[in-house]
Amino acid sequence: MANKTRSTFQKRQKEVARQARRKDKEAKRADAKLKKAEAGVTPAPETPDEDPDIAGIGLGPQPPLDDL
Protein backbone atom coordinates (compact mmCIF):
# COMPACT_ATOMS: atom_id res chain seq x y z
CA MET A 1 0.00 0.00 0.00
CA ALA A 2 2.87 2.39 0.64
CA ASN A 3 3.92 2.36 -3.00
CA LYS A 4 0.46 3.46 -4.09
CA THR A 5 0.65 6.54 -1.87
CA ARG A 6 4.11 7.42 -3.13
CA SER A 7 3.17 7.21 -6.80
CA THR A 8 0.03 9.27 -6.18
CA PHE A 9 2.11 11.89 -4.41
CA GLN A 10 4.63 11.91 -7.28
CA LYS A 11 1.81 12.25 -9.81
CA ARG A 12 0.45 15.22 -7.87
CA GLN A 13 3.87 16.85 -7.78
CA LYS A 14 4.24 16.37 -11.55
CA GLU A 15 0.80 17.86 -12.12
CA VAL A 16 1.61 20.88 -9.94
CA ALA A 17 4.87 21.41 -11.86
CA ARG A 18 3.02 21.07 -15.18
CA GLN A 19 0.47 23.67 -14.09
CA ALA A 20 3.23 26.04 -12.99
CA ARG A 21 4.97 25.72 -16.38
CA ARG A 22 1.66 26.33 -18.15
CA LYS A 23 1.08 29.49 -16.12
CA ASP A 24 4.61 30.70 -16.86
CA LYS A 25 4.10 30.14 -20.59
CA GLU A 26 0.76 31.95 -20.55
CA ALA A 27 2.35 34.88 -18.72
CA LYS A 28 5.19 35.05 -21.26
CA ARG A 29 2.72 34.94 -24.14
CA ALA A 30 0.59 37.68 -22.60
CA ASP A 31 3.69 39.81 -22.00
CA ALA A 32 4.89 39.33 -25.58
CA LYS A 33 1.44 40.17 -26.91
CA LEU A 34 1.34 43.33 -24.78
CA LYS A 35 4.80 44.42 -25.94
CA LYS A 36 3.82 43.80 -29.54
CA ALA A 37 0.65 45.86 -29.12
CA GLU A 38 2.58 48.69 -27.44
CA ALA A 39 5.17 48.75 -30.20
CA GLY A 40 2.45 48.97 -32.80
CA VAL A 41 2.26 47.25 -36.11
CA THR A 42 5.08 48.17 -38.43
CA PRO A 43 3.78 49.46 -41.76
CA ALA A 44 4.47 47.57 -44.95
CA PRO A 45 7.51 48.77 -46.87
CA GLU A 46 6.89 51.71 -49.13
CA THR A 47 7.55 51.56 -52.86
CA PRO A 48 11.16 52.89 -52.61
CA ASP A 49 12.04 50.11 -50.16
CA GLU A 50 10.36 47.42 -52.24
CA ASP A 51 12.55 44.61 -53.52
CA PRO A 52 13.26 45.32 -57.21
CA ASP A 53 13.15 41.62 -58.06
CA ILE A 54 9.51 41.35 -57.08
CA ALA A 55 8.34 44.87 -57.83
CA GLY A 56 5.05 44.95 -59.69
CA ILE A 57 4.29 41.26 -59.24
CA GLY A 58 0.75 40.52 -58.15
CA LEU A 59 -1.25 37.45 -57.30
CA GLY A 60 -2.27 35.03 -60.01
CA PRO A 61 -0.81 34.37 -63.45
CA GLN A 62 1.81 36.82 -64.59
CA PRO A 63 1.97 38.34 -68.09
CA PRO A 64 4.77 36.92 -70.27
CA LEU A 65 8.09 38.72 -70.14
CA ASP A 66 9.45 40.19 -73.36
CA ASP A 67 12.83 38.82 -74.42
CA LEU A 68 15.63 41.35 -74.22
PDB file of N, CA and C in Angstrom:
ATOM      1  N   MET A   1       0.804  -1.202   0.000  1.00  0.00           N
ATOM      2  CA  MET A   1       0.000   0.000   0.000  1.00  0.00           C
ATOM      3  C   MET A   1       0.850   1.270   0.000  1.00  0.00           C
ATOM      4  N   ALA A   2       2.027   1.203   0.560  1.00  0.00           N
ATOM      5  CA  ALA A   2       2.868   2.393   0.640  1.00  0.00           C
ATOM      6  C   ALA A   2       3.282   2.882  -0.744  1.00  0.00           C
ATOM      7  N   ASN A   3       3.520   1.959  -1.656  1.00  0.00           N
ATOM      8  CA  ASN A   3       3.915   2.359  -3.000  1.00  0.00           C
ATOM      9  C   ASN A   3       2.811   3.140  -3.692  1.00  0.00           C
ATOM     10  N   LYS A   4       1.575   2.771  -3.448  1.00  0.00           N
ATOM     11  CA  LYS A   4       0.458   3.462  -4.086  1.00  0.00           C
ATOM     12  C   LYS A   4       0.408   4.925  -3.629  1.00  0.00           C
ATOM     13  N   THR A   5       0.652   5.183  -2.381  1.00  0.00           N
ATOM     14  CA  THR A   5       0.645   6.543  -1.867  1.00  0.00           C
ATOM     15  C   THR A   5       1.796   7.344  -2.471  1.00  0.00           C
ATOM     16  N   ARG A   6       2.950   6.727  -2.580  1.00  0.00           N
ATOM     17  CA  ARG A   6       4.108   7.420  -3.128  1.00  0.00           C
ATOM     18  C   ARG A   6       3.862   7.816  -4.583  1.00  0.00           C
ATOM     19  N   SER A   7       3.367   6.888  -5.392  1.00  0.00           N
ATOM     20  CA  SER A   7       3.166   7.207  -6.795  1.00  0.00           C
ATOM     21  C   SER A   7       2.095   8.281  -6.949  1.00  0.00           C
ATOM     22  N   THR A   8       1.063   8.242  -6.117  1.00  0.00           N
ATOM     23  CA  THR A   8       0.029   9.271  -6.180  1.00  0.00           C
ATOM     24  C   THR A   8       0.615  10.633  -5.816  1.00  0.00           C
ATOM     25  N   PHE A   9       1.465  10.645  -4.804  1.00  0.00           N
ATOM     26  CA  PHE A   9       2.115  11.891  -4.408  1.00  0.00           C
ATOM     27  C   PHE A   9       3.006  12.411  -5.530  1.00  0.00           C
ATOM     28  N   GLN A  10       3.758  11.510  -6.175  1.00  0.00           N
ATOM     29  CA  GLN A  10       4.627  11.913  -7.284  1.00  0.00           C
ATOM     30  C   GLN A  10       3.802  12.431  -8.453  1.00  0.00           C
ATOM     31  N   LYS A  11       2.681  11.774  -8.730  1.00  0.00           N
ATOM     32  CA  LYS A  11       1.808  12.254  -9.807  1.00  0.00           C
ATOM     33  C   LYS A  11       1.306  13.655  -9.498  1.00  0.00           C
ATOM     34  N   ARG A  12       0.940  13.888  -8.263  1.00  0.00           N
ATOM     35  CA  ARG A  12       0.448  15.219  -7.875  1.00  0.00           C
ATOM     36  C   ARG A  12       1.544  16.259  -8.030  1.00  0.00           C
ATOM     37  N   GLN A  13       2.749  15.918  -7.642  1.00  0.00           N
ATOM     38  CA  GLN A  13       3.871  16.850  -7.780  1.00  0.00           C
ATOM     39  C   GLN A  13       4.120  17.165  -9.261  1.00  0.00           C
ATOM     40  N   LYS A  14       4.050  16.148 -10.119  1.00  0.00           N
ATOM     41  CA  LYS A  14       4.243  16.371 -11.548  1.00  0.00           C
ATOM     42  C   LYS A  14       3.141  17.268 -12.101  1.00  0.00           C
ATOM     43  N   GLU A  15       1.916  17.046 -11.649  1.00  0.00           N
ATOM     44  CA  GLU A  15       0.801  17.863 -12.123  1.00  0.00           C
ATOM     45  C   GLU A  15       0.959  19.314 -11.670  1.00  0.00           C
ATOM     46  N   VAL A  16       1.392  19.519 -10.444  1.00  0.00           N
ATOM     47  CA  VAL A  16       1.610  20.881  -9.945  1.00  0.00           C
ATOM     48  C   VAL A  16       2.712  21.562 -10.759  1.00  0.00           C
ATOM     49  N   ALA A  17       3.783  20.836 -11.052  1.00  0.00           N
ATOM     50  CA  ALA A  17       4.872  21.406 -11.856  1.00  0.00           C
ATOM     51  C   ALA A  17       4.381  21.725 -13.262  1.00  0.00           C
ATOM     52  N   ARG A  18       3.560  20.852 -13.843  1.00  0.00           N
ATOM     53  CA  ARG A  18       3.017  21.074 -15.183  1.00  0.00           C
ATOM     54  C   ARG A  18       2.139  22.325 -15.201  1.00  0.00           C
ATOM     55  N   GLN A  19       1.320  22.487 -14.175  1.00  0.00           N
ATOM     56  CA  GLN A  19       0.466  23.675 -14.092  1.00  0.00           C
ATOM     57  C   GLN A  19       1.296  24.942 -13.950  1.00  0.00           C
ATOM     58  N   ALA A  20       2.367  24.873 -13.168  1.00  0.00           N
ATOM     59  CA  ALA A  20       3.231  26.037 -12.994  1.00  0.00           C
ATOM     60  C   ALA A  20       3.885  26.423 -14.318  1.00  0.00           C
ATOM     61  N   ARG A  21       4.372  25.421 -15.070  1.00  0.00           N
ATOM     62  CA  ARG A  21       4.972  25.716 -16.376  1.00  0.00           C
ATOM     63  C   ARG A  21       3.942  26.316 -17.326  1.00  0.00           C
ATOM     64  N   ARG A  22       2.726  25.805 -17.279  1.00  0.00           N
ATOM     65  CA  ARG A  22       1.664  26.325 -18.145  1.00  0.00           C
ATOM     66  C   ARG A  22       1.373  27.789 -17.817  1.00  0.00           C
ATOM     67  N   LYS A  23       1.322  28.107 -16.514  1.00  0.00           N
ATOM     68  CA  LYS A  23       1.079  29.494 -16.116  1.00  0.00           C
ATOM     69  C   LYS A  23       2.225  30.402 -16.548  1.00  0.00           C
ATOM     70  N   ASP A  24       3.453  29.909 -16.434  1.00  0.00           N
ATOM     71  CA  ASP A  24       4.612  30.701 -16.865  1.00  0.00           C
ATOM     72  C   ASP A  24       4.544  30.983 -18.370  1.00  0.00           C
ATOM     73  N   LYS A  25       4.197  29.958 -19.140  1.00  0.00           N
ATOM     74  CA  LYS A  25       4.095  30.143 -20.587  1.00  0.00           C
ATOM     75  C   LYS A  25       2.998  31.131 -20.939  1.00  0.00           C
ATOM     76  N   GLU A  26       1.857  31.022 -20.281  1.00  0.00           N
ATOM     77  CA  GLU A  26       0.759  31.947 -20.550  1.00  0.00           C
ATOM     78  C   GLU A  26       1.154  33.380 -20.206  1.00  0.00           C
ATOM     79  N   ALA A  27       1.899  33.545 -19.104  1.00  0.00           N
ATOM     80  CA  ALA A  27       2.348  34.878 -18.715  1.00  0.00           C
ATOM     81  C   ALA A  27       3.325  35.439 -19.757  1.00  0.00           C
ATOM     82  N   LYS A  28       4.233  34.597 -20.243  1.00  0.00           N
ATOM     83  CA  LYS A  28       5.191  35.050 -21.263  1.00  0.00           C
ATOM     84  C   LYS A  28       4.462  35.437 -22.540  1.00  0.00           C
ATOM     85  N   ARG A  29       3.477  34.627 -22.932  1.00  0.00           N
ATOM     86  CA  ARG A  29       2.717  34.943 -24.145  1.00  0.00           C
ATOM     87  C   ARG A  29       1.959  36.252 -23.988  1.00  0.00           C
ATOM     88  N   ALA A  30       1.339  36.451 -22.834  1.00  0.00           N
ATOM     89  CA  ALA A  30       0.593  37.684 -22.602  1.00  0.00           C
ATOM     90  C   ALA A  30       1.538  38.885 -22.621  1.00  0.00           C
ATOM     91  N   ASP A  31       2.716  38.722 -22.021  1.00  0.00           N
ATOM     92  CA  ASP A  31       3.693  39.807 -21.999  1.00  0.00           C
ATOM     93  C   ASP A  31       4.168  40.136 -23.414  1.00  0.00           C
ATOM     94  N   ALA A  32       4.443  39.107 -24.201  1.00  0.00           N
ATOM     95  CA  ALA A  32       4.889  39.328 -25.578  1.00  0.00           C
ATOM     96  C   ALA A  32       3.787  40.001 -26.395  1.00  0.00           C
ATOM     97  N   LYS A  33       2.561  39.576 -26.181  1.00  0.00           N
ATOM     98  CA  LYS A  33       1.438  40.170 -26.908  1.00  0.00           C
ATOM     99  C   LYS A  33       1.277  41.641 -26.528  1.00  0.00           C
ATOM    100  N   LEU A  34       1.442  41.953 -25.253  1.00  0.00           N
ATOM    101  CA  LEU A  34       1.335  43.329 -24.784  1.00  0.00           C
ATOM    102  C   LEU A  34       2.454  44.182 -25.371  1.00  0.00           C
ATOM    103  N   LYS A  35       3.679  43.667 -25.373  1.00  0.00           N
ATOM    104  CA  LYS A  35       4.797  44.420 -25.939  1.00  0.00           C
ATOM    105  C   LYS A  35       4.588  44.666 -27.430  1.00  0.00           C
ATOM    106  N   LYS A  36       4.073  43.655 -28.113  1.00  0.00           N
ATOM    107  CA  LYS A  36       3.825  43.801 -29.538  1.00  0.00           C
ATOM    108  C   LYS A  36       2.759  44.854 -29.799  1.00  0.00           C
ATOM    109  N   ALA A  37       1.719  44.878 -28.962  1.00  0.00           N
ATOM    110  CA  ALA A  37       0.654  45.861 -29.121  1.00  0.00           C
ATOM    111  C   ALA A  37       1.166  47.269 -28.807  1.00  0.00           C
ATOM    112  N   GLU A  38       2.026  47.385 -27.805  1.00  0.00           N
ATOM    113  CA  GLU A  38       2.576  48.693 -27.435  1.00  0.00           C
ATOM    114  C   GLU A  38       3.488  49.225 -28.540  1.00  0.00           C
ATOM    115  N   ALA A  39       4.248  48.330 -29.151  1.00  0.00           N
ATOM    116  CA  ALA A  39       5.174  48.753 -30.200  1.00  0.00           C
ATOM    117  C   ALA A  39       4.419  49.174 -31.453  1.00  0.00           C
ATOM    118  N   GLY A  40       3.239  48.643 -31.615  1.00  0.00           N
ATOM    119  CA  GLY A  40       2.454  48.966 -32.803  1.00  0.00           C
ATOM    120  C   GLY A  40       2.855  48.098 -33.970  1.00  0.00           C
ATOM    121  N   VAL A  41       1.989  48.044 -34.919  1.00  0.00           N
ATOM    122  CA  VAL A  41       2.263  47.249 -36.108  1.00  0.00           C
ATOM    123  C   VAL A  41       3.137  48.063 -37.035  1.00  0.00           C
ATOM    124  N   THR A  42       4.203  47.469 -37.509  1.00  0.00           N
ATOM    125  CA  THR A  42       5.082  48.172 -38.430  1.00  0.00           C
ATOM    126  C   THR A  42       4.416  48.221 -39.794  1.00  0.00           C
ATOM    127  N   PRO A  43       4.426  49.354 -40.441  1.00  0.00           N
ATOM    128  CA  PRO A  43       3.782  49.457 -41.757  1.00  0.00           C
ATOM    129  C   PRO A  43       4.544  48.659 -42.806  1.00  0.00           C
ATOM    130  N   ALA A  44       3.842  48.293 -43.843  1.00  0.00           N
ATOM    131  CA  ALA A  44       4.471  47.572 -44.945  1.00  0.00           C
ATOM    132  C   ALA A  44       5.473  48.493 -45.624  1.00  0.00           C
ATOM    133  N   PRO A  45       6.512  47.931 -46.207  1.00  0.00           N
ATOM    134  CA  PRO A  45       7.511  48.774 -46.867  1.00  0.00           C
ATOM    135  C   PRO A  45       6.887  49.612 -47.982  1.00  0.00           C
ATOM    136  N   GLU A  46       7.353  50.818 -48.082  1.00  0.00           N
ATOM    137  CA  GLU A  46       6.891  51.713 -49.134  1.00  0.00           C
ATOM    138  C   GLU A  46       7.504  51.296 -50.463  1.00  0.00           C
ATOM    139  N   THR A  47       7.066  51.892 -51.524  1.00  0.00           N
ATOM    140  CA  THR A  47       7.548  51.561 -52.864  1.00  0.00           C
ATOM    141  C   THR A  47       9.064  51.716 -52.996  1.00  0.00           C
ATOM    142  N   PRO A  48       9.706  52.780 -52.465  1.00  0.00           N
ATOM    143  CA  PRO A  48      11.162  52.888 -52.612  1.00  0.00           C
ATOM    144  C   PRO A  48      11.917  51.743 -51.937  1.00  0.00           C
ATOM    145  N   ASP A  49      11.369  51.190 -50.870  1.00  0.00           N
ATOM    146  CA  ASP A  49      12.042  50.112 -50.156  1.00  0.00           C
ATOM    147  C   ASP A  49      11.674  48.737 -50.702  1.00  0.00           C
ATOM    148  N   GLU A  50      10.819  48.693 -51.705  1.00  0.00           N
ATOM    149  CA  GLU A  50      10.363  47.417 -52.239  1.00  0.00           C
ATOM    150  C   GLU A  50      11.504  46.713 -52.969  1.00  0.00           C
ATOM    151  N   ASP A  51      11.536  45.412 -52.857  1.00  0.00           N
ATOM    152  CA  ASP A  51      12.549  44.609 -53.524  1.00  0.00           C
ATOM    153  C   ASP A  51      12.381  44.723 -55.031  1.00  0.00           C
ATOM    154  N   PRO A  52      13.408  45.140 -55.761  1.00  0.00           N
ATOM    155  CA  PRO A  52      13.259  45.324 -57.215  1.00  0.00           C
ATOM    156  C   PRO A  52      12.994  44.022 -57.963  1.00  0.00           C
ATOM    157  N   ASP A  53      13.374  42.889 -57.382  1.00  0.00           N
ATOM    158  CA  ASP A  53      13.155  41.615 -58.063  1.00  0.00           C
ATOM    159  C   ASP A  53      11.673  41.247 -58.108  1.00  0.00           C
ATOM    160  N   ILE A  54      10.918  41.714 -57.125  1.00  0.00           N
ATOM    161  CA  ILE A  54       9.506  41.345 -57.082  1.00  0.00           C
ATOM    162  C   ILE A  54       8.588  42.547 -57.255  1.00  0.00           C
ATOM    163  N   ALA A  55       9.142  43.673 -57.656  1.00  0.00           N
ATOM    164  CA  ALA A  55       8.337  44.873 -57.834  1.00  0.00           C
ATOM    165  C   ALA A  55       7.317  44.659 -58.944  1.00  0.00           C
ATOM    166  N   GLY A  56       6.087  45.017 -58.682  1.00  0.00           N
ATOM    167  CA  GLY A  56       5.047  44.954 -59.687  1.00  0.00           C
ATOM    168  C   GLY A  56       4.437  43.579 -59.891  1.00  0.00           C
ATOM    169  N   ILE A  57       4.857  42.599 -59.106  1.00  0.00           N
ATOM    170  CA  ILE A  57       4.290  41.263 -59.242  1.00  0.00           C
ATOM    171  C   ILE A  57       3.067  41.166 -58.344  1.00  0.00           C
ATOM    172  N   GLY A  58       1.979  40.684 -58.904  1.00  0.00           N
ATOM    173  CA  GLY A  58       0.746  40.522 -58.152  1.00  0.00           C
ATOM    174  C   GLY A  58       0.374  39.062 -58.031  1.00  0.00           C
ATOM    175  N   LEU A  59      -0.766  38.811 -57.440  1.00  0.00           N
ATOM    176  CA  LEU A  59      -1.245  37.446 -57.296  1.00  0.00           C
ATOM    177  C   LEU A  59      -1.784  36.945 -58.633  1.00  0.00           C
ATOM    178  N   GLY A  60      -1.714  35.649 -58.810  1.00  0.00           N
ATOM    179  CA  GLY A  60      -2.273  35.035 -60.007  1.00  0.00           C
ATOM    180  C   GLY A  60      -1.253  34.918 -61.120  1.00  0.00           C
ATOM    181  N   PRO A  61      -1.740  34.531 -62.316  1.00  0.00           N
ATOM    182  CA  PRO A  61      -0.813  34.367 -63.454  1.00  0.00           C
ATOM    183  C   PRO A  61      -0.170  35.695 -63.838  1.00  0.00           C
ATOM    184  N   GLN A  62       1.068  35.627 -64.227  1.00  0.00           N
ATOM    185  CA  GLN A  62       1.810  36.822 -64.592  1.00  0.00           C
ATOM    186  C   GLN A  62       1.853  36.949 -66.118  1.00  0.00           C
ATOM    187  N   PRO A  63       1.867  38.168 -66.633  1.00  0.00           N
ATOM    188  CA  PRO A  63       1.969  38.344 -68.087  1.00  0.00           C
ATOM    189  C   PRO A  63       3.349  37.867 -68.544  1.00  0.00           C
ATOM    190  N   PRO A  64       3.472  37.404 -69.783  1.00  0.00           N
ATOM    191  CA  PRO A  64       4.770  36.925 -70.268  1.00  0.00           C
ATOM    192  C   PRO A  64       5.782  38.064 -70.340  1.00  0.00           C
ATOM    193  N   LEU A  65       7.014  37.738 -70.058  1.00  0.00           N
ATOM    194  CA  LEU A  65       8.093  38.720 -70.139  1.00  0.00           C
ATOM    195  C   LEU A  65       8.584  38.813 -71.589  1.00  0.00           C
ATOM    196  N   ASP A  66       8.907  40.003 -72.020  1.00  0.00           N
ATOM    197  CA  ASP A  66       9.453  40.189 -73.359  1.00  0.00           C
ATOM    198  C   ASP A  66      10.939  39.841 -73.324  1.00  0.00           C
ATOM    199  N   ASP A  67      11.409  39.159 -74.358  1.00  0.00           N
ATOM    200  CA  ASP A  67      12.828  38.824 -74.420  1.00  0.00           C
ATOM    201  C   ASP A  67      13.630  40.083 -74.688  1.00  0.00           C
ATOM    202  N   LEU A  68      14.768  40.173 -74.070  1.00  0.00           N
ATOM    203  CA  LEU A  68      15.625  41.347 -74.221  1.00  0.00           C
ATOM    204  C   LEU A  68      16.519  41.253 -75.394  1.00  0.00           C
TER     205      LEU A  68
END
